[in-house]
C-alpha atoms as a PDB file:
ATOM      1  CA  MET A   1      -3.058  36.671  -6.753  1.00  0.00           C
ATOM      2  CA  SER A   2      -6.224  36.401  -8.850  1.00  0.00           C
ATOM      3  CA  THR A   3      -9.245  34.327  -7.859  1.00  0.00           C
ATOM      4  CA  GLN A   4      -8.816  32.205 -10.989  1.00  0.00           C
ATOM      5  CA  SER A   5      -5.200  31.440 -10.079  1.00  0.00           C
ATOM      6  CA  ILE A   6      -6.210  30.393  -6.569  1.00  0.00           C
ATOM      7  CA  GLU A   7      -8.940  28.129  -7.931  1.00  0.00           C
ATOM      8  CA  LYS A   8      -6.484  26.469 -10.315  1.00  0.00           C
ATOM      9  CA  LYS A   9      -4.098  25.766  -7.459  1.00  0.00           C
ATOM     10  CA  GLN A  10      -6.927  24.301  -5.373  1.00  0.00           C
ATOM     11  CA  VAL A  11      -7.907  22.045  -8.269  1.00  0.00           C
ATOM     12  CA  SER A  12      -4.269  20.968  -8.684  1.00  0.00           C
ATOM     13  CA  TRP A  13      -4.063  20.222  -4.954  1.00  0.00           C
ATOM     14  CA  ARG A  14      -7.209  18.068  -5.060  1.00  0.00           C
ATOM     15  CA  THR A  15      -5.870  16.279  -8.145  1.00  0.00           C
ATOM     16  CA  MET A  16      -2.660  15.401  -6.305  1.00  0.00           C
ATOM     17  CA  GLN A  17      -4.752  14.028  -3.468  1.00  0.00           C
ATOM     18  CA  GLY A  18      -6.704  11.900  -5.917  1.00  0.00           C
ATOM     19  CA  LEU A  19      -3.520  10.494  -7.442  1.00  0.00           C
ATOM     20  CA  SER A  20      -2.231   9.416  -4.022  1.00  0.00           C
ATOM     21  CA  ALA A  21      -3.684   5.938  -4.601  1.00  0.00           C
ATOM     22  CA  PHE A  22      -1.147   5.370  -7.374  1.00  0.00           C
ATOM     23  CA  TRP A  23       1.666   5.922  -4.871  1.00  0.00           C
ATOM     24  CA  PHE A  24       0.938   2.602  -3.157  1.00  0.00           C
ATOM     25  CA  PHE A  25       1.075   0.704  -6.443  1.00  0.00           C
ATOM     26  CA  VAL A  26       4.580   2.041  -7.126  1.00  0.00           C
ATOM     27  CA  SER A  27       5.955   1.660  -3.589  1.00  0.00           C
ATOM     28  CA  ARG A  28       4.963  -1.958  -2.998  1.00  0.00           C
ATOM     29  CA  PRO A  29       7.408  -4.057  -0.941  1.00  0.00           C
ATOM     30  CA  ASP A  30       8.844  -5.831  -4.014  1.00  0.00           C
ATOM     31  CA  ILE A  31      11.090  -2.958  -5.119  1.00  0.00           C
ATOM     32  CA  GLU A  32      13.400  -4.506  -7.687  1.00  0.00           C
ATOM     33  CA  SER A  33      14.027  -2.152 -10.602  1.00  0.00           C
ATOM     34  CA  ILE A  34      15.701   1.160 -11.394  1.00  0.00           C
ATOM     35  CA  PHE A  35      12.406   2.341 -12.889  1.00  0.00           C
ATOM     36  CA  THR A  36      10.676   1.857  -9.524  1.00  0.00           C
ATOM     37  CA  LEU A  37      13.397   3.810  -7.729  1.00  0.00           C
ATOM     38  CA  ILE A  38      13.085   6.672 -10.204  1.00  0.00           C
ATOM     39  CA  SER A  39       9.272   6.645  -9.928  1.00  0.00           C
ATOM     40  CA  ILE A  40       9.322   6.776  -6.128  1.00  0.00           C
ATOM     41  CA  SER A  41      11.856   9.617  -6.174  1.00  0.00           C
ATOM     42  CA  ILE A  42       9.731  11.653  -8.589  1.00  0.00           C
ATOM     43  CA  ILE A  43       6.513  10.939  -6.660  1.00  0.00           C
ATOM     44  CA  LEU A  44       8.021  12.028  -3.334  1.00  0.00           C
ATOM     45  CA  ILE A  45       9.380  15.255  -4.796  1.00  0.00           C
ATOM     46  CA  CYS A  46       6.206  16.120  -6.757  1.00  0.00           C
ATOM     47  CA  PHE A  47       3.863  15.377  -3.865  1.00  0.00           C
ATOM     48  CA  GLY A  48       6.163  17.273  -1.507  1.00  0.00           C
ATOM     49  CA  ILE A  49       6.141  20.358  -3.714  1.00  0.00           C
ATOM     50  CA  SER A  50       2.360  20.355  -4.354  1.00  0.00           C
ATOM     51  CA  PRO A  51       1.211  21.709  -0.941  1.00  0.00           C
ATOM     52  CA  LEU A  52       3.718  24.566  -1.083  1.00  0.00           C
ATOM     53  CA  TYR A  53       1.387  26.390  -3.483  1.00  0.00           C
ATOM     54  CA  ILE A  54      -1.489  26.347  -0.988  1.00  0.00           C
ATOM     55  CA  LYS A  55      -2.192  29.749   0.498  1.00  0.00           C
ATOM     56  CA  ASP A  56      -1.783  30.235   4.262  1.00  0.00           C
ATOM     57  CA  LYS A  57      -0.025  26.915   4.836  1.00  0.00           C
ATOM     58  CA  SER A  58       1.317  26.380   8.342  1.00  0.00           C
ATOM     59  CA  ALA A  59       4.937  25.866   9.354  1.00  0.00           C
ATOM     60  CA  ALA A  60       4.127  22.219  10.126  1.00  0.00           C
ATOM     61  CA  VAL A  61       2.873  21.670   6.560  1.00  0.00           C
ATOM     62  CA  TYR A  62       5.945  23.379   5.133  1.00  0.00           C
ATOM     63  CA  THR A  63       8.202  21.183   7.276  1.00  0.00           C
ATOM     64  CA  ALA A  64       6.406  17.960   6.262  1.00  0.00           C
ATOM     65  CA  ALA A  65       6.569  18.977   2.596  1.00  0.00           C
ATOM     66  CA  ALA A  66      10.294  19.733   2.889  1.00  0.00           C
ATOM     67  CA  ILE A  67      10.838  16.311   4.468  1.00  0.00           C
ATOM     68  CA  MET A  68       9.075  14.663   1.523  1.00  0.00           C
ATOM     69  CA  VAL A  69      11.251  16.511  -0.965  1.00  0.00           C
ATOM     70  CA  ALA A  70      14.385  15.546   1.004  1.00  0.00           C
ATOM     71  CA  LEU A  71      13.278  11.893   1.052  1.00  0.00           C
ATOM     72  CA  GLY A  72      12.715  12.052  -2.698  1.00  0.00           C
ATOM     73  CA  GLY A  73      16.188  13.477  -3.149  1.00  0.00           C
ATOM     74  CA  GLY A  74      17.593  10.682  -0.983  1.00  0.00           C
ATOM     75  CA  VAL A  75      15.926   8.015  -3.115  1.00  0.00           C
ATOM     76  CA  GLY A  76      17.240   9.829  -6.180  1.00  0.00           C
ATOM     77  CA  GLY A  77      20.748   9.586  -4.732  1.00  0.00           C
ATOM     78  CA  LEU A  78      20.289   5.856  -4.156  1.00  0.00           C
ATOM     79  CA  THR A  79      19.113   5.531  -7.754  1.00  0.00           C
ATOM     80  CA  ILE A  80      22.202   7.276  -9.111  1.00  0.00           C
ATOM     81  CA  GLY A  81      24.452   5.116  -6.915  1.00  0.00           C
ATOM     82  CA  THR A  82      22.723   1.955  -8.132  1.00  0.00           C
ATOM     83  CA  LEU A  83      23.104   3.048 -11.742  1.00  0.00           C
ATOM     84  CA  PHE A  84      26.847   3.623 -11.273  1.00  0.00           C
ATOM     85  CA  GLU A  85      27.180   0.223  -9.614  1.00  0.00           C
ATOM     86  CA  ARG A  86      25.532  -1.421 -12.617  1.00  0.00           C
ATOM     87  CA  LEU A  87      27.841   0.440 -14.967  1.00  0.00           C
ATOM     88  CA  PHE A  88      31.130  -0.384 -13.246  1.00  0.00           C
ATOM     89  CA  GLU A  89      30.547  -3.621 -11.320  1.00  0.00           C
ATOM     90  CA  GLU A  90      30.875  -6.921 -13.165  1.00  0.00           C
ATOM     91  CA  SER A  91      28.160  -8.553 -11.059  1.00  0.00           C
ATOM     92  CA  PRO A  92      25.968  -5.852  -9.466  1.00  0.00           C
ATOM     93  CA  THR A  93      23.705  -6.823  -6.586  1.00  0.00           C
ATOM     94  CA  ASP A  94      20.027  -7.289  -7.380  1.00  0.00           C
ATOM     95  CA  ILE A  95      18.017  -4.378  -5.995  1.00  0.00           C
ATOM     96  CA  ALA A  96      15.460  -6.703  -4.412  1.00  0.00           C
ATOM     97  CA  ASP A  97      18.187  -8.460  -2.403  1.00  0.00           C
ATOM     98  CA  SER A  98      20.012  -5.328  -1.277  1.00  0.00           C
ATOM     99  CA  TRP A  99      19.618  -2.714   1.422  1.00  0.00           C
ATOM    100  CA  VAL A 100      18.652  -0.219  -1.295  1.00  0.00           C
ATOM    101  CA  ALA A 101      15.168  -1.734  -1.651  1.00  0.00           C
ATOM    102  CA  GLY A 102      14.513  -1.633   2.091  1.00  0.00           C
ATOM    103  CA  THR A 103      15.864   1.902   2.430  1.00  0.00           C
ATOM    104  CA  THR A 104      13.721   3.071  -0.481  1.00  0.00           C
ATOM    105  CA  LEU A 105      10.652   1.488   1.130  1.00  0.00           C
ATOM    106  CA  ILE A 106      11.480   3.290   4.384  1.00  0.00           C
ATOM    107  CA  CYS A 107      11.749   6.636   2.569  1.00  0.00           C
ATOM    108  CA  SER A 108       8.502   6.038   0.693  1.00  0.00           C
ATOM    109  CA  SER A 109       6.684   5.008   3.899  1.00  0.00           C
ATOM    110  CA  LEU A 110       7.911   8.089   5.769  1.00  0.00           C
ATOM    111  CA  GLY A 111       6.744  10.147   2.803  1.00  0.00           C
ATOM    112  CA  ILE A 112       3.313   8.523   3.001  1.00  0.00           C
ATOM    113  CA  LEU A 113       3.036   9.405   6.689  1.00  0.00           C
ATOM    114  CA  ALA A 114       4.134  12.990   5.984  1.00  0.00           C
ATOM    115  CA  TRP A 115       1.567  13.179   3.172  1.00  0.00           C
ATOM    116  CA  THR A 116      -1.302  11.991   5.392  1.00  0.00           C
ATOM    117  CA  PHE A 117      -0.297  14.660   7.920  1.00  0.00           C
ATOM    118  CA  ILE A 118      -0.344  17.338   5.209  1.00  0.00           C
ATOM    119  CA  VAL A 119      -3.762  16.228   3.941  1.00  0.00           C
ATOM    120  CA  LEU A 120      -5.168  16.283   7.473  1.00  0.00           C
ATOM    121  CA  LYS A 121      -3.790  19.790   8.068  1.00  0.00           C
ATOM    122  CA  ILE A 122      -4.943  21.316   4.768  1.00  0.00           C
ATOM    123  CA  SER A 123      -8.143  19.581   3.677  1.00  0.00           C
ATOM    124  CA  PRO A 124     -11.513  19.742   5.404  1.00  0.00           C
ATOM    125  CA  ILE A 125     -12.026  16.240   6.743  1.00  0.00           C
ATOM    126  CA  THR A 126     -15.324  14.374   6.959  1.00  0.00           C
ATOM    127  CA  ARG A 127     -15.781  10.783   8.076  1.00  0.00           C
ATOM    128  CA  PRO A 128     -15.367   8.939   4.719  1.00  0.00           C
ATOM    129  CA  PRO A 129     -12.046  10.606   3.769  1.00  0.00           C
ATOM    130  CA  LEU A 130     -10.879  10.146   7.359  1.00  0.00           C
ATOM    131  CA  ILE A 131     -11.346   6.384   6.980  1.00  0.00           C
ATOM    132  CA  ALA A 132      -9.253   6.432   3.805  1.00  0.00           C
ATOM    133  CA  ILE A 133      -6.544   8.529   5.461  1.00  0.00           C
ATOM    134  CA  ALA A 134      -6.440   6.186   8.478  1.00  0.00           C
ATOM    135  CA  LEU A 135      -5.973   3.149   6.219  1.00  0.00           C
ATOM    136  CA  PHE A 136      -3.373   5.083   4.228  1.00  0.00           C
ATOM    137  CA  ALA A 137      -1.446   5.767   7.452  1.00  0.00           C
ATOM    138  CA  ILE A 138      -1.745   2.170   8.714  1.00  0.00           C
ATOM    139  CA  ALA A 139      -0.336   0.842   5.451  1.00  0.00           C
ATOM    140  CA  GLY A 140       2.456   3.412   5.640  1.00  0.00           C
ATOM    141  CA  VAL A 141       3.393   2.446   9.211  1.00  0.00           C
ATOM    142  CA  TYR A 142       3.406  -1.263   8.373  1.00  0.00           C
ATOM    143  CA  SER A 143       5.567  -0.680   5.272  1.00  0.00           C
ATOM    144  CA  LEU A 144       7.934   1.433   7.369  1.00  0.00           C
ATOM    145  CA  ILE A 145       8.367  -1.404   9.867  1.00  0.00           C
ATOM    146  CA  TYR A 146       8.727  -3.950   7.072  1.00  0.00           C
ATOM    147  CA  GLY A 147      11.344  -1.778   5.357  1.00  0.00           C
ATOM    148  CA  ILE A 148      13.359  -1.412   8.569  1.00  0.00           C
ATOM    149  CA  LEU A 149      13.289  -5.175   9.141  1.00  0.00           C
ATOM    150  CA  SER A 150      14.269  -5.763   5.504  1.00  0.00           C
ATOM    151  CA  VAL A 151      17.347  -3.565   5.873  1.00  0.00           C
ATOM    152  CA  LYS A 152      18.205  -5.296   9.130  1.00  0.00           C
ATOM    153  CA  THR A 153      17.860  -8.665   7.412  1.00  0.00           C
ATOM    154  CA  VAL A 154      20.339  -7.699   4.687  1.00  0.00           C
ATOM    155  CA  LEU A 155      22.861  -6.082   7.022  1.00  0.00           C
ATOM    156  CA  LEU A 156      22.793  -8.946   9.563  1.00  0.00           C
ATOM    157  CA  ASP A 157      22.306 -11.670   6.952  1.00  0.00           C
ATOM    158  CA  ASP A 158      19.439 -13.051   9.039  1.00  0.00           C
ATOM    159  CA  THR A 159      16.670 -14.475   6.866  1.00  0.00           C
ATOM    160  CA  GLN A 160      14.447 -15.096   9.868  1.00  0.00           C
ATOM    161  CA  ILE A 161      13.708 -11.425  10.551  1.00  0.00           C
ATOM    162  CA  THR A 162      11.353 -10.976   7.630  1.00  0.00           C
ATOM    163  CA  SER A 163       9.194 -13.553   5.934  1.00  0.00           C
ATOM    164  CA  ALA A 164       6.952 -14.074   2.937  1.00  0.00           C
ATOM    165  CA  TRP A 165       3.778 -13.633   4.984  1.00  0.00           C
ATOM    166  CA  GLY A 166       5.013 -10.239   6.163  1.00  0.00           C
ATOM    167  CA  GLU A 167       5.401  -9.134   2.563  1.00  0.00           C
ATOM    168  CA  GLY A 168       1.953 -10.544   1.813  1.00  0.00           C
ATOM    169  CA  VAL A 169       0.379  -8.428   4.549  1.00  0.00           C
ATOM    170  CA  ALA A 170       2.127  -5.353   3.135  1.00  0.00           C
ATOM    171  CA  PHE A 171       0.660  -6.091  -0.290  1.00  0.00           C
ATOM    172  CA  ILE A 172      -2.824  -6.505   1.184  1.00  0.00           C
ATOM    173  CA  LEU A 173      -2.640  -3.231   3.108  1.00  0.00           C
ATOM    174  CA  HIS A 174      -1.320  -1.377   0.061  1.00  0.00           C
ATOM    175  CA  GLY A 175      -4.063  -2.781  -2.150  1.00  0.00           C
ATOM    176  CA  CYS A 176      -6.818  -1.989   0.353  1.00  0.00           C
ATOM    177  CA  ALA A 177      -5.469   1.539   0.762  1.00  0.00           C
ATOM    178  CA  MET A 178      -5.554   1.993  -3.021  1.00  0.00           C
ATOM    179  CA  VAL A 179      -9.146   0.770  -3.366  1.00  0.00           C
ATOM    180  CA  VAL A 180     -10.526   2.693  -0.368  1.00  0.00           C
ATOM    181  CA  TRP A 181      -8.666   5.903  -1.249  1.00  0.00           C
ATOM    182  CA  THR A 182      -9.875   5.698  -4.854  1.00  0.00           C
ATOM    183  CA  HIS A 183     -13.463   5.142  -3.746  1.00  0.00           C
ATOM    184  CA  LEU A 184     -13.616   7.749  -0.973  1.00  0.00           C
ATOM    185  CA  VAL A 185     -11.174  10.423  -2.155  1.00  0.00           C
ATOM    186  CA  THR A 186     -10.195  10.102  -5.821  1.00  0.00           C
ATOM    187  CA  ARG A 187     -13.811   9.905  -7.008  1.00  0.00           C
ATOM    188  CA  LYS A 188     -14.469  13.286  -5.346  1.00  0.00           C
ATOM    189  CA  THR A 189     -11.821  15.031  -7.474  1.00  0.00           C
ATOM    190  CA  SER A 190     -11.552  16.045 -11.119  1.00  0.00           C
ATOM    191  CA  ILE A 191      -9.889  12.694 -11.811  1.00  0.00           C
ATOM    192  CA  ALA A 192     -13.345  11.133 -11.591  1.00  0.00           C
ATOM    193  CA  ASN A 193     -14.004  12.611 -15.046  1.00  0.00           C
ATOM    194  CA  ARG A 194     -11.412  10.161 -16.373  1.00  0.00           C
ATOM    195  CA  LYS A 195     -13.332   7.032 -15.474  1.00  0.00           C
ATOM    196  CA  ILE A 196     -10.808   4.720 -17.094  1.00  0.00           C
ATOM    197  CA  LEU A 197      -8.114   5.984 -14.691  1.00  0.00           C
ATOM    198  CA  VAL A 198     -10.353   5.416 -11.673  1.00  0.00           C
ATOM    199  CA  ILE A 199     -11.191   1.913 -12.899  1.00  0.00           C
ATOM    200  CA  CYS A 200      -7.485   1.163 -13.446  1.00  0.00           C
ATOM    201  CA  LEU A 201      -6.655   2.310  -9.911  1.00  0.00           C
ATOM    202  CA  VAL A 202      -9.334   0.029  -8.447  1.00  0.00           C
ATOM    203  CA  ILE A 203      -8.189  -2.924 -10.567  1.00  0.00           C
ATOM    204  CA  ALA A 204      -4.572  -2.316  -9.574  1.00  0.00           C
ATOM    205  CA  GLY A 205      -5.591  -2.191  -5.918  1.00  0.00           C
ATOM    206  CA  VAL A 206      -7.558  -5.430  -6.120  1.00  0.00           C
ATOM    207  CA  ALA A 207      -4.685  -7.098  -7.996  1.00  0.00           C
ATOM    208  CA  THR A 208      -2.262  -5.965  -5.271  1.00  0.00           C
ATOM    209  CA  VAL A 209      -4.505  -7.492  -2.595  1.00  0.00           C
ATOM    210  CA  LEU A 210      -4.659 -10.768  -4.531  1.00  0.00           C
ATOM    211  CA  VAL A 211      -0.853 -10.827  -4.810  1.00  0.00           C
ATOM    212  CA  GLY A 212      -0.642 -10.481  -1.037  1.00  0.00           C
ATOM    213  CA  ILE A 213      -3.219 -13.201  -0.382  1.00  0.00           C
ATOM    214  CA  THR A 214      -1.454 -15.534  -2.825  1.00  0.00           C
ATOM    215  CA  GLY A 215       1.870 -14.921  -1.092  1.00  0.00           C
ATOM    216  CA  ILE A 216       0.404 -15.746   2.334  1.00  0.00           C
ATOM    217  CA  LEU A 217      -1.340 -18.886   1.027  1.00  0.00           C
ATOM    218  CA  ASP A 218       1.938 -20.055  -0.524  1.00  0.00           C
ATOM    219  CA  VAL A 219       3.575 -19.812   2.897  1.00  0.00           C
ATOM    220  CA  ILE A 220       0.746 -21.648   4.646  1.00  0.00           C
ATOM    221  CA  PHE A 221       0.372 -24.458   2.132  1.00  0.00           C
END
């Protein structure tokens, strides 16, 4: 393999890291459309494949990447099933009110945790990126718990398990993860040359935080 080819793959790997902030915007807790399901499936598969091109990857990285691809395939299966339901059912269930949304959030959150593991194993870590990765993981764990409770709520028909403030916290964590990751990681990659994209990621992160705060305030007042 030529030096130029290796450099290109390293640049592609860093670019995928930089785009990780966008993942949180897509996989917010209010999953309610086929487009979102398709986007999450594609993101999981693409991010899962990206580290496989890194030279001298460990078995642990390969396993985590394979898990991400499998999760993406699972979400893709849910998407196809939902599409068939909408084609053949007279009154299909809304995605937001079904177990599909919670299951998709679980898959996306597990993918986020696998991704943080891969980044920690492959990339040289200094303190600033480590802060971003820690926040990334915290948001992923919270979304995983929220997704599990959401599925339990639907299956048991118990509206008390999850609440609006819980969703608000998920929004806040997702938005903070987007902003911090963009500032500490994305700006260190080639994506920084596209300033408009960086600005859009920050704005989207701030907007996500505001959505979460608004949701919590609505519950309180």
